[in-house]
Amino acid sequence: MLLDEIPEQIRKEKGFYKVGGNGGHCISWHTDQDLLEHIDIDLVMTHMKIYAATLCRLSNALLLPYDFRDAVATHQARLDYYQKVAGPRFDLGPALEGTKGLHQSLDKYYASAEKALASAPDATVASMKKYNEVLLALGRALIPIDYVNLPRFEHDPAVPIPPLGRLEPIKDLARLDNDPPLRNITVNTLVRRRNQIVSVYRGLSRMLEKES
């Protein structure tokens, strides 16, 4: 998305500060100083062509090019990391099992979708619609648990959120060994959040099995 970030070395030379998570943008980024004189029109046109080509390909794809197996593999790696951090203090086994089951269901689903696309010479947007609707549903379920901590209709603060950030309190458990009440509260919170993630994985697996 951020094709026009200023290289770090140039940003340092010019004294530009880093804005939020947007990288090397100068003070004119999203301020009243954001004027045409700061814009490289040729660069903007290049970006517009890239975005237009991307939208054109997505709009005309019979099968959307979204492979959520990569996302699930990323979740699994992060869960493995959190489990190592937690040690015996917390069990992420149900979530890890959920990623394995979901990955298997995704393998079957993508095989089915690709077979439908390849075996029908007259495949159309309409004939592939049900597959694309499932892919969109996968994105709407998987992306929030990776990038969002608050409920659906609330807004997270504009600060970096780590992968599967709702499980980040796992890092506090070792420090809380000497504070049993707060540790128990933290564990209870983590149980609910883990179960929420497991519920998403299992629900998506059931949906995929039904649609494959």
N, C-alpha and C. Protein backbone atom coordinates (compact mmCIF):
# COMPACT_ATOMS: atom_id res chain seq x y z
N MET A 1 0.82 -1.20 0.00
CA MET A 1 0.00 0.00 0.00
C MET A 1 0.85 1.26 0.00
N LEU A 2 1.88 1.30 0.84
CA LEU A 2 2.67 2.52 1.00
C LEU A 2 3.85 2.52 0.02
N LEU A 3 3.53 2.73 -1.25
CA LEU A 3 4.58 2.68 -2.27
C LEU A 3 5.48 3.90 -2.23
N ASP A 4 4.99 4.98 -1.62
CA ASP A 4 5.73 6.24 -1.71
C ASP A 4 6.46 6.61 -0.44
N GLU A 5 6.82 5.63 0.36
CA GLU A 5 7.57 5.95 1.57
C GLU A 5 8.96 6.51 1.22
N ILE A 6 9.36 7.49 1.97
CA ILE A 6 10.69 8.08 1.78
C ILE A 6 11.72 7.15 2.41
N PRO A 7 12.78 6.81 1.68
CA PRO A 7 13.82 5.95 2.25
C PRO A 7 14.31 6.49 3.59
N GLU A 8 14.61 5.60 4.52
CA GLU A 8 14.97 6.01 5.88
C GLU A 8 16.15 6.97 5.90
N GLN A 9 17.18 6.71 5.07
CA GLN A 9 18.36 7.56 5.09
C GLN A 9 18.01 8.99 4.68
N ILE A 10 17.18 9.13 3.63
CA ILE A 10 16.78 10.47 3.18
C ILE A 10 15.92 11.14 4.24
N ARG A 11 15.04 10.35 4.87
CA ARG A 11 14.19 10.91 5.92
C ARG A 11 15.04 11.49 7.05
N LYS A 12 16.10 10.77 7.42
CA LYS A 12 16.98 11.25 8.49
C LYS A 12 17.73 12.51 8.06
N GLU A 13 18.18 12.53 6.81
CA GLU A 13 18.92 13.69 6.31
C GLU A 13 18.06 14.94 6.32
N LYS A 14 16.78 14.79 5.99
CA LYS A 14 15.87 15.92 5.90
C LYS A 14 15.20 16.24 7.24
N GLY A 15 15.41 15.38 8.23
CA GLY A 15 14.83 15.64 9.54
C GLY A 15 13.35 15.34 9.62
N PHE A 16 12.84 14.49 8.71
CA PHE A 16 11.43 14.13 8.76
C PHE A 16 11.23 13.12 9.88
N TYR A 17 10.13 13.25 10.60
CA TYR A 17 9.86 12.30 11.66
C TYR A 17 8.91 11.22 11.15
N LYS A 18 8.89 10.11 11.85
CA LYS A 18 8.06 8.99 11.46
C LYS A 18 6.66 9.17 12.04
N VAL A 19 5.66 9.06 11.18
CA VAL A 19 4.28 9.28 11.60
C VAL A 19 3.60 7.93 11.83
N GLY A 20 3.24 7.62 13.09
CA GLY A 20 2.52 6.39 13.38
C GLY A 20 3.18 5.19 12.76
N GLY A 21 2.38 4.39 12.07
CA GLY A 21 2.92 3.20 11.41
C GLY A 21 3.13 3.41 9.94
N ASN A 22 3.07 4.68 9.47
CA ASN A 22 3.14 4.94 8.04
C ASN A 22 4.55 5.02 7.49
N GLY A 23 5.55 4.98 8.35
CA GLY A 23 6.91 4.98 7.85
C GLY A 23 7.42 6.38 7.57
N GLY A 24 8.31 6.48 6.57
CA GLY A 24 9.05 7.72 6.39
C GLY A 24 8.34 8.81 5.65
N HIS A 25 7.29 9.35 6.18
CA HIS A 25 6.61 10.49 5.56
C HIS A 25 7.02 11.76 6.27
N CYS A 26 7.01 12.87 5.54
CA CYS A 26 7.42 14.14 6.12
C CYS A 26 6.25 14.80 6.86
N ILE A 27 6.52 15.96 7.40
CA ILE A 27 5.54 16.66 8.22
C ILE A 27 4.29 17.03 7.42
N SER A 28 4.38 17.07 6.10
CA SER A 28 3.22 17.44 5.29
C SER A 28 2.23 16.29 5.13
N TRP A 29 2.61 15.11 5.62
CA TRP A 29 1.73 13.95 5.46
C TRP A 29 0.48 14.10 6.34
N HIS A 30 -0.68 14.27 5.67
CA HIS A 30 -1.97 14.40 6.37
C HIS A 30 -2.01 15.61 7.31
N THR A 31 -1.41 16.69 6.88
CA THR A 31 -1.50 17.93 7.66
C THR A 31 -1.93 19.04 6.69
N ASP A 32 -2.08 20.26 7.20
CA ASP A 32 -2.47 21.37 6.33
C ASP A 32 -1.34 21.79 5.40
N GLN A 33 -0.18 21.16 5.56
CA GLN A 33 0.94 21.41 4.66
C GLN A 33 1.00 20.40 3.51
N ASP A 34 0.00 19.57 3.41
CA ASP A 34 -0.05 18.53 2.38
C ASP A 34 -0.52 19.17 1.07
N LEU A 35 0.40 19.83 0.38
CA LEU A 35 0.08 20.64 -0.80
C LEU A 35 0.70 20.03 -2.06
N LEU A 36 0.21 20.49 -3.22
CA LEU A 36 0.66 19.95 -4.50
C LEU A 36 2.17 20.09 -4.69
N GLU A 37 2.75 21.10 -4.10
CA GLU A 37 4.19 21.32 -4.28
C GLU A 37 5.03 20.18 -3.73
N HIS A 38 4.44 19.36 -2.87
CA HIS A 38 5.17 18.24 -2.29
C HIS A 38 4.96 16.94 -3.07
N ILE A 39 4.19 17.00 -4.14
CA ILE A 39 3.80 15.78 -4.85
C ILE A 39 4.62 15.59 -6.12
N ASP A 40 5.09 14.38 -6.32
CA ASP A 40 5.74 13.99 -7.57
C ASP A 40 4.65 13.39 -8.46
N ILE A 41 4.16 14.15 -9.43
CA ILE A 41 3.02 13.72 -10.24
C ILE A 41 3.32 12.43 -11.00
N ASP A 42 4.54 12.31 -11.52
CA ASP A 42 4.90 11.08 -12.25
C ASP A 42 4.83 9.87 -11.33
N LEU A 43 5.28 10.06 -10.08
CA LEU A 43 5.24 8.97 -9.12
C LEU A 43 3.80 8.62 -8.77
N VAL A 44 2.97 9.64 -8.60
CA VAL A 44 1.55 9.41 -8.31
C VAL A 44 0.89 8.63 -9.45
N MET A 45 1.20 8.99 -10.68
CA MET A 45 0.63 8.28 -11.82
C MET A 45 1.07 6.82 -11.85
N THR A 46 2.32 6.56 -11.49
CA THR A 46 2.79 5.17 -11.43
C THR A 46 1.99 4.38 -10.40
N HIS A 47 1.77 5.00 -9.25
CA HIS A 47 1.00 4.34 -8.20
C HIS A 47 -0.43 4.08 -8.66
N MET A 48 -1.03 5.06 -9.32
CA MET A 48 -2.41 4.90 -9.80
C MET A 48 -2.51 3.75 -10.79
N LYS A 49 -1.51 3.60 -11.65
CA LYS A 49 -1.52 2.50 -12.62
C LYS A 49 -1.42 1.15 -11.91
N ILE A 50 -0.57 1.10 -10.86
CA ILE A 50 -0.43 -0.15 -10.10
C ILE A 50 -1.75 -0.51 -9.42
N TYR A 51 -2.38 0.48 -8.77
CA TYR A 51 -3.65 0.22 -8.09
C TYR A 51 -4.74 -0.15 -9.09
N ALA A 52 -4.76 0.54 -10.24
CA ALA A 52 -5.77 0.25 -11.25
C ALA A 52 -5.60 -1.17 -11.80
N ALA A 53 -4.35 -1.57 -12.04
CA ALA A 53 -4.09 -2.92 -12.54
C ALA A 53 -4.52 -3.97 -11.51
N THR A 54 -4.23 -3.70 -10.24
CA THR A 54 -4.62 -4.63 -9.18
C THR A 54 -6.13 -4.77 -9.11
N LEU A 55 -6.84 -3.65 -9.12
CA LEU A 55 -8.30 -3.68 -9.07
C LEU A 55 -8.89 -4.36 -10.30
N CYS A 56 -8.29 -4.12 -11.45
CA CYS A 56 -8.78 -4.73 -12.69
C CYS A 56 -8.66 -6.25 -12.63
N ARG A 57 -7.51 -6.72 -12.14
CA ARG A 57 -7.31 -8.18 -12.05
C ARG A 57 -8.26 -8.81 -11.03
N LEU A 58 -8.44 -8.15 -9.90
CA LEU A 58 -9.36 -8.68 -8.89
C LEU A 58 -10.80 -8.70 -9.40
N SER A 59 -11.17 -7.62 -10.11
CA SER A 59 -12.55 -7.51 -10.59
C SER A 59 -12.86 -8.53 -11.68
N ASN A 60 -11.84 -8.96 -12.41
CA ASN A 60 -12.06 -9.87 -13.52
C ASN A 60 -11.65 -11.31 -13.23
N ALA A 61 -11.16 -11.57 -12.03
CA ALA A 61 -10.75 -12.94 -11.69
C ALA A 61 -11.99 -13.80 -11.47
N LEU A 62 -12.03 -14.95 -12.12
CA LEU A 62 -13.16 -15.86 -11.89
C LEU A 62 -13.07 -16.46 -10.49
N LEU A 63 -11.84 -16.71 -10.03
CA LEU A 63 -11.63 -17.18 -8.67
C LEU A 63 -10.68 -16.20 -7.99
N LEU A 64 -11.13 -15.59 -6.90
CA LEU A 64 -10.31 -14.59 -6.22
C LEU A 64 -8.98 -15.20 -5.77
N PRO A 65 -7.88 -14.49 -5.97
CA PRO A 65 -6.54 -15.04 -5.66
C PRO A 65 -6.16 -14.90 -4.20
N TYR A 66 -7.02 -15.37 -3.31
CA TYR A 66 -6.77 -15.28 -1.88
C TYR A 66 -6.48 -16.67 -1.34
N ASP A 67 -5.26 -16.90 -0.92
CA ASP A 67 -4.90 -18.20 -0.35
C ASP A 67 -4.73 -18.04 1.15
N PHE A 68 -5.79 -18.39 1.88
CA PHE A 68 -5.77 -18.18 3.33
C PHE A 68 -5.00 -19.26 4.07
N ARG A 69 -4.47 -20.23 3.34
CA ARG A 69 -3.59 -21.20 4.00
C ARG A 69 -2.32 -20.50 4.51
N ASP A 70 -1.86 -19.49 3.78
CA ASP A 70 -0.70 -18.73 4.25
C ASP A 70 -1.03 -17.99 5.54
N ALA A 71 -2.24 -17.43 5.61
CA ALA A 71 -2.64 -16.72 6.83
C ALA A 71 -2.70 -17.68 8.01
N VAL A 72 -3.27 -18.86 7.79
CA VAL A 72 -3.39 -19.84 8.87
C VAL A 72 -2.01 -20.32 9.32
N ALA A 73 -1.10 -20.49 8.37
CA ALA A 73 0.26 -20.89 8.72
C ALA A 73 0.94 -19.81 9.57
N THR A 74 0.66 -18.54 9.25
CA THR A 74 1.20 -17.45 10.04
C THR A 74 0.62 -17.47 11.45
N HIS A 75 -0.68 -17.74 11.56
CA HIS A 75 -1.32 -17.87 12.87
C HIS A 75 -0.65 -18.99 13.68
N GLN A 76 -0.43 -20.09 13.01
CA GLN A 76 0.15 -21.24 13.70
C GLN A 76 1.54 -20.91 14.24
N ALA A 77 2.33 -20.22 13.43
CA ALA A 77 3.68 -19.83 13.86
C ALA A 77 3.60 -18.90 15.07
N ARG A 78 2.66 -17.97 15.05
CA ARG A 78 2.53 -17.04 16.18
C ARG A 78 2.05 -17.77 17.43
N LEU A 79 1.13 -18.71 17.26
CA LEU A 79 0.66 -19.50 18.41
C LEU A 79 1.78 -20.34 18.99
N ASP A 80 2.62 -20.90 18.12
CA ASP A 80 3.79 -21.66 18.60
C ASP A 80 4.70 -20.75 19.44
N TYR A 81 4.88 -19.53 18.96
CA TYR A 81 5.71 -18.57 19.69
C TYR A 81 5.11 -18.26 21.05
N TYR A 82 3.82 -17.97 21.07
CA TYR A 82 3.16 -17.66 22.34
C TYR A 82 3.21 -18.85 23.30
N GLN A 83 3.09 -20.07 22.75
CA GLN A 83 3.14 -21.24 23.61
C GLN A 83 4.51 -21.41 24.26
N LYS A 84 5.56 -21.12 23.49
CA LYS A 84 6.91 -21.19 24.05
C LYS A 84 7.10 -20.15 25.14
N VAL A 85 6.53 -18.96 24.92
CA VAL A 85 6.63 -17.90 25.93
C VAL A 85 5.88 -18.30 27.19
N ALA A 86 4.69 -18.87 27.01
CA ALA A 86 3.85 -19.23 28.16
C ALA A 86 4.38 -20.42 28.92
N GLY A 87 4.98 -21.38 28.19
CA GLY A 87 5.42 -22.62 28.85
C GLY A 87 4.22 -23.33 29.47
N PRO A 88 4.39 -23.83 30.68
CA PRO A 88 3.29 -24.56 31.33
C PRO A 88 2.22 -23.65 31.93
N ARG A 89 2.41 -22.36 31.83
CA ARG A 89 1.47 -21.42 32.47
C ARG A 89 0.15 -21.29 31.71
N PHE A 90 0.17 -21.63 30.42
CA PHE A 90 -1.05 -21.49 29.63
C PHE A 90 -1.02 -22.47 28.47
N ASP A 91 -2.19 -22.99 28.12
CA ASP A 91 -2.29 -24.02 27.08
C ASP A 91 -2.97 -23.47 25.84
N LEU A 92 -2.20 -23.39 24.76
CA LEU A 92 -2.75 -22.96 23.48
C LEU A 92 -3.02 -24.15 22.56
N GLY A 93 -3.01 -25.35 23.12
CA GLY A 93 -3.25 -26.55 22.34
C GLY A 93 -4.52 -26.50 21.52
N PRO A 94 -5.67 -26.11 22.09
CA PRO A 94 -6.90 -26.07 21.31
C PRO A 94 -6.80 -25.14 20.09
N ALA A 95 -6.11 -24.01 20.24
CA ALA A 95 -5.96 -23.09 19.12
C ALA A 95 -5.04 -23.68 18.05
N LEU A 96 -3.96 -24.34 18.48
CA LEU A 96 -3.05 -24.96 17.51
C LEU A 96 -3.75 -26.09 16.77
N GLU A 97 -4.56 -26.87 17.48
CA GLU A 97 -5.34 -27.92 16.81
C GLU A 97 -6.32 -27.30 15.83
N GLY A 98 -6.87 -26.14 16.21
CA GLY A 98 -7.81 -25.47 15.31
C GLY A 98 -7.16 -25.04 14.01
N THR A 99 -5.90 -24.57 14.08
CA THR A 99 -5.22 -24.18 12.85
C THR A 99 -4.94 -25.39 11.96
N LYS A 100 -4.60 -26.51 12.58
CA LYS A 100 -4.34 -27.72 11.78
C LYS A 100 -5.60 -28.18 11.06
N GLY A 101 -6.71 -28.21 11.81
CA GLY A 101 -7.97 -28.63 11.20
C GLY A 101 -8.41 -27.68 10.10
N LEU A 102 -8.23 -26.38 10.33
CA LEU A 102 -8.63 -25.40 9.32
C LEU A 102 -7.76 -25.50 8.09
N HIS A 103 -6.48 -25.73 8.28
CA HIS A 103 -5.58 -25.86 7.13
C HIS A 103 -5.98 -27.06 6.27
N GLN A 104 -6.32 -28.15 6.89
CA GLN A 104 -6.77 -29.34 6.15
C GLN A 104 -8.06 -29.04 5.38
N SER A 105 -8.98 -28.35 6.03
CA SER A 105 -10.24 -28.01 5.37
C SER A 105 -9.99 -27.07 4.19
N LEU A 106 -9.03 -26.15 4.36
CA LEU A 106 -8.70 -25.23 3.28
C LEU A 106 -8.09 -25.98 2.09
N ASP A 107 -7.24 -26.96 2.36
CA ASP A 107 -6.66 -27.75 1.27
C ASP A 107 -7.76 -28.38 0.42
N LYS A 108 -8.74 -28.97 1.08
CA LYS A 108 -9.85 -29.61 0.36
C LYS A 108 -10.66 -28.58 -0.43
N TYR A 109 -10.88 -27.44 0.21
CA TYR A 109 -11.72 -26.44 -0.44
C TYR A 109 -11.04 -25.85 -1.68
N TYR A 110 -9.77 -25.52 -1.55
CA TYR A 110 -9.07 -24.95 -2.70
C TYR A 110 -8.97 -25.98 -3.84
N ALA A 111 -8.80 -27.25 -3.51
CA ALA A 111 -8.77 -28.29 -4.54
C ALA A 111 -10.10 -28.33 -5.27
N SER A 112 -11.19 -28.22 -4.52
CA SER A 112 -12.52 -28.23 -5.11
C SER A 112 -12.74 -27.00 -5.99
N ALA A 113 -12.33 -25.85 -5.50
CA ALA A 113 -12.53 -24.61 -6.26
C ALA A 113 -11.69 -24.61 -7.54
N GLU A 114 -10.45 -25.06 -7.45
CA GLU A 114 -9.59 -25.07 -8.63
C GLU A 114 -10.06 -26.10 -9.64
N LYS A 115 -10.62 -27.22 -9.16
CA LYS A 115 -11.17 -28.22 -10.06
C LYS A 115 -12.37 -27.66 -10.81
N ALA A 116 -13.23 -26.94 -10.10
CA ALA A 116 -14.40 -26.33 -10.73
C ALA A 116 -13.98 -25.31 -11.78
N LEU A 117 -12.92 -24.57 -11.50
CA LEU A 117 -12.45 -23.56 -12.43
C LEU A 117 -11.84 -24.19 -13.67
N ALA A 118 -11.08 -25.28 -13.48
CA ALA A 118 -10.37 -25.90 -14.59
C ALA A 118 -11.25 -26.83 -15.43
N SER A 119 -12.25 -27.44 -14.81
CA SER A 119 -13.03 -28.45 -15.51
C SER A 119 -14.20 -27.86 -16.28
N ALA A 120 -14.44 -26.58 -16.11
CA ALA A 120 -15.57 -25.97 -16.81
C ALA A 120 -15.05 -24.91 -17.78
N PRO A 121 -14.95 -25.26 -19.07
CA PRO A 121 -14.44 -24.31 -20.06
C PRO A 121 -15.27 -23.03 -20.11
N ASP A 122 -16.54 -23.15 -19.78
CA ASP A 122 -17.42 -21.99 -19.83
C ASP A 122 -17.65 -21.40 -18.44
N ALA A 123 -16.67 -21.59 -17.55
CA ALA A 123 -16.79 -21.05 -16.20
C ALA A 123 -17.01 -19.54 -16.27
N THR A 124 -17.93 -19.07 -15.47
CA THR A 124 -18.27 -17.66 -15.46
C THR A 124 -18.21 -17.13 -14.02
N VAL A 125 -18.35 -15.83 -13.93
CA VAL A 125 -18.39 -15.22 -12.60
C VAL A 125 -19.52 -15.84 -11.79
N ALA A 126 -20.65 -16.07 -12.44
CA ALA A 126 -21.80 -16.63 -11.74
C ALA A 126 -21.52 -18.04 -11.24
N SER A 127 -20.85 -18.85 -12.08
CA SER A 127 -20.60 -20.24 -11.70
C SER A 127 -19.57 -20.35 -10.57
N MET A 128 -18.72 -19.34 -10.43
CA MET A 128 -17.71 -19.35 -9.38
C MET A 128 -18.11 -18.51 -8.17
N LYS A 129 -19.29 -17.95 -8.23
CA LYS A 129 -19.72 -17.02 -7.18
C LYS A 129 -19.68 -17.65 -5.79
N LYS A 130 -20.17 -18.89 -5.67
CA LYS A 130 -20.23 -19.50 -4.34
C LYS A 130 -18.84 -19.68 -3.74
N TYR A 131 -17.85 -19.97 -4.61
CA TYR A 131 -16.48 -20.14 -4.11
C TYR A 131 -15.93 -18.80 -3.64
N ASN A 132 -16.19 -17.75 -4.40
CA ASN A 132 -15.68 -16.43 -4.02
C ASN A 132 -16.35 -15.90 -2.76
N GLU A 133 -17.63 -16.22 -2.59
CA GLU A 133 -18.32 -15.78 -1.38
C GLU A 133 -17.70 -16.42 -0.14
N VAL A 134 -17.28 -17.68 -0.27
CA VAL A 134 -16.63 -18.36 0.85
C VAL A 134 -15.27 -17.73 1.14
N LEU A 135 -14.55 -17.37 0.08
CA LEU A 135 -13.25 -16.73 0.28
C LEU A 135 -13.40 -15.39 0.99
N LEU A 136 -14.42 -14.64 0.64
CA LEU A 136 -14.67 -13.37 1.31
C LEU A 136 -15.03 -13.59 2.78
N ALA A 137 -15.82 -14.62 3.03
CA ALA A 137 -16.20 -14.94 4.41
C ALA A 137 -14.96 -15.33 5.23
N LEU A 138 -14.05 -16.06 4.60
CA LEU A 138 -12.80 -16.43 5.29
C LEU A 138 -12.02 -15.19 5.69
N GLY A 139 -11.90 -14.24 4.76
CA GLY A 139 -11.16 -13.03 5.06
C GLY A 139 -11.79 -12.22 6.17
N ARG A 140 -13.12 -12.13 6.15
CA ARG A 140 -13.82 -11.34 7.16
C ARG A 140 -13.71 -11.95 8.55
N ALA A 141 -13.43 -13.24 8.61
CA ALA A 141 -13.29 -13.91 9.91
C ALA A 141 -11.84 -13.97 10.38
N LEU A 142 -10.91 -14.26 9.46
CA LEU A 142 -9.52 -14.47 9.85
C LEU A 142 -8.75 -13.16 10.05
N ILE A 143 -9.00 -12.18 9.21
CA ILE A 143 -8.22 -10.95 9.28
C ILE A 143 -8.45 -10.21 10.61
N PRO A 144 -9.69 -10.07 11.08
CA PRO A 144 -9.88 -9.35 12.35
C PRO A 144 -9.17 -9.98 13.55
N ILE A 145 -9.15 -11.31 13.65
CA ILE A 145 -8.51 -11.89 14.83
C ILE A 145 -6.99 -11.73 14.78
N ASP A 146 -6.48 -11.35 13.61
CA ASP A 146 -5.04 -11.12 13.50
C ASP A 146 -4.67 -9.65 13.69
N TYR A 147 -5.58 -8.75 13.33
CA TYR A 147 -5.23 -7.33 13.31
C TYR A 147 -6.10 -6.45 14.20
N VAL A 148 -7.10 -7.02 14.86
CA VAL A 148 -8.04 -6.22 15.63
C VAL A 148 -8.19 -6.82 17.02
N ASN A 149 -8.23 -5.97 18.02
CA ASN A 149 -8.42 -6.43 19.39
C ASN A 149 -9.80 -6.12 19.94
N LEU A 150 -10.37 -5.00 19.51
CA LEU A 150 -11.66 -4.59 20.04
C LEU A 150 -12.81 -5.22 19.25
N PRO A 151 -14.03 -5.18 19.79
CA PRO A 151 -15.19 -5.75 19.09
C PRO A 151 -15.42 -5.10 17.73
N ARG A 152 -16.27 -5.71 16.93
CA ARG A 152 -16.45 -5.34 15.52
C ARG A 152 -16.80 -3.87 15.31
N PHE A 153 -17.65 -3.32 16.14
CA PHE A 153 -18.12 -1.95 15.91
C PHE A 153 -17.40 -0.92 16.77
N GLU A 154 -16.25 -1.28 17.30
CA GLU A 154 -15.40 -0.33 18.00
C GLU A 154 -14.10 -0.15 17.22
N HIS A 155 -13.37 0.89 17.56
CA HIS A 155 -12.17 1.24 16.78
C HIS A 155 -10.93 1.10 17.65
N ASP A 156 -9.99 0.28 17.19
CA ASP A 156 -8.73 0.14 17.90
C ASP A 156 -7.93 1.44 17.81
N PRO A 157 -7.13 1.75 18.83
CA PRO A 157 -6.25 2.92 18.74
C PRO A 157 -5.30 2.77 17.56
N ALA A 158 -4.90 3.90 16.98
CA ALA A 158 -4.00 3.88 15.81
C ALA A 158 -2.57 3.64 16.25
N VAL A 159 -2.34 2.50 16.83
CA VAL A 159 -1.00 2.08 17.25
C VAL A 159 -0.75 0.68 16.71
N PRO A 160 0.52 0.28 16.58
CA PRO A 160 0.80 -1.07 16.07
C PRO A 160 0.17 -2.16 16.93
N ILE A 161 -0.40 -3.16 16.29
CA ILE A 161 -0.97 -4.32 16.98
C ILE A 161 -0.19 -5.55 16.55
N PRO A 162 0.39 -6.30 17.47
CA PRO A 162 1.15 -7.49 17.08
C PRO A 162 0.23 -8.57 16.53
N PRO A 163 0.75 -9.53 15.78
CA PRO A 163 -0.07 -10.62 15.28
C PRO A 163 -0.78 -11.34 16.43
N LEU A 164 -2.06 -11.65 16.22
CA LEU A 164 -2.88 -12.27 17.27
C LEU A 164 -2.69 -11.52 18.58
N GLY A 165 -2.76 -10.20 18.48
CA GLY A 165 -2.43 -9.33 19.61
C GLY A 165 -3.29 -9.53 20.84
N ARG A 166 -4.49 -10.09 20.67
CA ARG A 166 -5.34 -10.29 21.85
C ARG A 166 -4.75 -11.33 22.81
N LEU A 167 -3.76 -12.09 22.32
CA LEU A 167 -3.08 -13.06 23.19
C LEU A 167 -1.78 -12.51 23.76
N GLU A 168 -1.47 -11.26 23.48
CA GLU A 168 -0.21 -10.66 23.92
C GLU A 168 -0.02 -10.69 25.44
N PRO A 169 -1.08 -10.65 26.27
CA PRO A 169 -0.88 -10.74 27.72
C PRO A 169 -0.19 -12.01 28.19
N ILE A 170 -0.06 -13.00 27.30
CA ILE A 170 0.70 -14.20 27.64
C ILE A 170 2.12 -13.82 28.09
N LYS A 171 2.65 -12.75 27.52
CA LYS A 171 4.00 -12.32 27.87
C LYS A 171 4.11 -11.83 29.31
N ASP A 172 2.97 -11.54 29.93
CA ASP A 172 2.98 -11.04 31.30
C ASP A 172 2.92 -12.14 32.35
N LEU A 173 2.61 -13.36 31.94
CA LEU A 173 2.34 -14.42 32.91
C LEU A 173 3.53 -14.71 33.82
N ALA A 174 4.72 -14.80 33.25
CA ALA A 174 5.89 -15.10 34.08
C ALA A 174 6.10 -14.01 35.13
N ARG A 175 5.91 -12.76 34.72
CA ARG A 175 6.08 -11.65 35.66
C ARG A 175 5.03 -11.67 36.77
N LEU A 176 3.87 -12.28 36.49
CA LEU A 176 2.77 -12.28 37.45
C LEU A 176 2.79 -13.49 38.39
N ASP A 177 3.84 -14.29 38.33
CA ASP A 177 3.93 -15.45 39.23
C ASP A 177 3.84 -15.03 40.70
N ASN A 178 4.32 -13.84 40.99
CA ASN A 178 4.31 -13.36 42.38
C ASN A 178 3.06 -12.54 42.71
N ASP A 179 2.12 -12.52 41.78
CA ASP A 179 0.87 -11.79 42.01
C ASP A 179 -0.30 -12.68 41.59
N PRO A 180 -0.60 -13.72 42.39
CA PRO A 180 -1.63 -14.71 42.01
C PRO A 180 -2.97 -14.12 41.61
N PRO A 181 -3.52 -13.13 42.33
CA PRO A 181 -4.82 -12.60 41.91
C PRO A 181 -4.81 -12.02 40.49
N LEU A 182 -3.81 -11.19 40.20
CA LEU A 182 -3.73 -10.59 38.87
C LEU A 182 -3.40 -11.64 37.82
N ARG A 183 -2.58 -12.62 38.19
CA ARG A 183 -2.27 -13.70 37.26
C ARG A 183 -3.54 -14.46 36.90
N ASN A 184 -4.38 -14.75 37.89
CA ASN A 184 -5.61 -15.50 37.62
C ASN A 184 -6.56 -14.72 36.73
N ILE A 185 -6.63 -13.41 36.95
CA ILE A 185 -7.46 -12.56 36.09
C ILE A 185 -6.95 -12.60 34.65
N THR A 186 -5.64 -12.52 34.51
CA THR A 186 -5.02 -12.54 33.18
C THR A 186 -5.27 -13.87 32.49
N VAL A 187 -5.13 -14.97 33.23
CA VAL A 187 -5.37 -16.30 32.66
C VAL A 187 -6.82 -16.43 32.21
N ASN A 188 -7.74 -15.95 33.04
CA ASN A 188 -9.16 -16.03 32.68
C ASN A 188 -9.45 -15.25 31.40
N THR A 189 -8.84 -14.09 31.29
CA THR A 189 -9.00 -13.28 30.08
C THR A 189 -8.44 -14.01 28.87
N LEU A 190 -7.27 -14.62 29.04
CA LEU A 190 -6.64 -15.34 27.94
C LEU A 190 -7.46 -16.56 27.52
N VAL A 191 -8.08 -17.23 28.48
CA VAL A 191 -8.93 -18.38 28.15
C VAL A 191 -10.07 -17.95 27.24
N ARG A 192 -10.72 -16.83 27.59
CA ARG A 192 -11.83 -16.35 26.76
C ARG A 192 -11.34 -15.97 25.36
N ARG A 193 -10.21 -15.31 25.30
CA ARG A 193 -9.69 -14.89 24.00
C ARG A 193 -9.23 -16.08 23.17
N ARG A 194 -8.59 -17.04 23.81
CA ARG A 194 -8.20 -18.26 23.09
C ARG A 194 -9.44 -18.98 22.56
N ASN A 195 -10.46 -19.09 23.39
CA ASN A 195 -11.68 -19.78 22.97
C ASN A 195 -12.38 -19.06 21.83
N GLN A 196 -12.29 -17.74 21.83
CA GLN A 196 -12.87 -16.97 20.73
C GLN A 196 -12.16 -17.31 19.42
N ILE A 197 -10.85 -17.38 19.47
CA ILE A 197 -10.07 -17.72 18.28
C ILE A 197 -10.37 -19.15 17.83
N VAL A 198 -10.43 -20.06 18.78
CA VAL A 198 -10.75 -21.46 18.46
C VAL A 198 -12.13 -21.55 17.81
N SER A 199 -13.07 -20.77 18.32
CA SER A 199 -14.42 -20.77 17.76
C SER A 199 -14.42 -20.34 16.30
N VAL A 200 -13.58 -19.35 15.97
CA VAL A 200 -13.47 -18.90 14.58
C VAL A 200 -12.91 -20.02 13.71
N TYR A 201 -11.83 -20.65 14.17
CA TYR A 201 -11.22 -21.73 13.39
C TYR A 201 -12.20 -22.87 13.14
N ARG A 202 -12.88 -23.29 14.20
CA ARG A 202 -13.80 -24.42 14.07
C ARG A 202 -15.00 -24.07 13.20
N GLY A 203 -15.50 -22.85 13.37
CA GLY A 203 -16.64 -22.43 12.56
C GLY A 203 -16.29 -22.39 11.09
N LEU A 204 -15.10 -21.89 10.75
CA LEU A 204 -14.67 -21.85 9.36
C LEU A 204 -14.44 -23.25 8.81
N SER A 205 -13.91 -24.14 9.63
CA SER A 205 -13.71 -25.53 9.18
C SER A 205 -15.04 -26.17 8.83
N ARG A 206 -16.04 -25.95 9.68
CA ARG A 206 -17.37 -26.52 9.40
C ARG A 206 -17.96 -25.93 8.12
N MET A 207 -17.77 -24.63 7.93
CA MET A 207 -18.28 -23.99 6.72
C MET A 207 -17.62 -24.56 5.47
N LEU A 208 -16.30 -24.75 5.54
CA LEU A 208 -15.56 -25.26 4.38
C LEU A 208 -15.93 -26.70 4.08
N GLU A 209 -16.10 -27.52 5.10
CA GLU A 209 -16.49 -28.92 4.89
C GLU A 209 -17.85 -28.98 4.23
N LYS A 210 -18.72 -28.08 4.62
CA LYS A 210 -20.08 -28.06 4.05
C LYS A 210 -20.07 -27.64 2.59
N GLU A 211 -19.15 -26.72 2.24
CA GLU A 211 -19.13 -26.16 0.89
C GLU A 211 -18.26 -26.95 -0.08
N SER A 212 -17.35 -27.78 0.44
CA SER A 212 -16.42 -28.50 -0.45
C SER A 212 -17.15 -29.58 -1.26
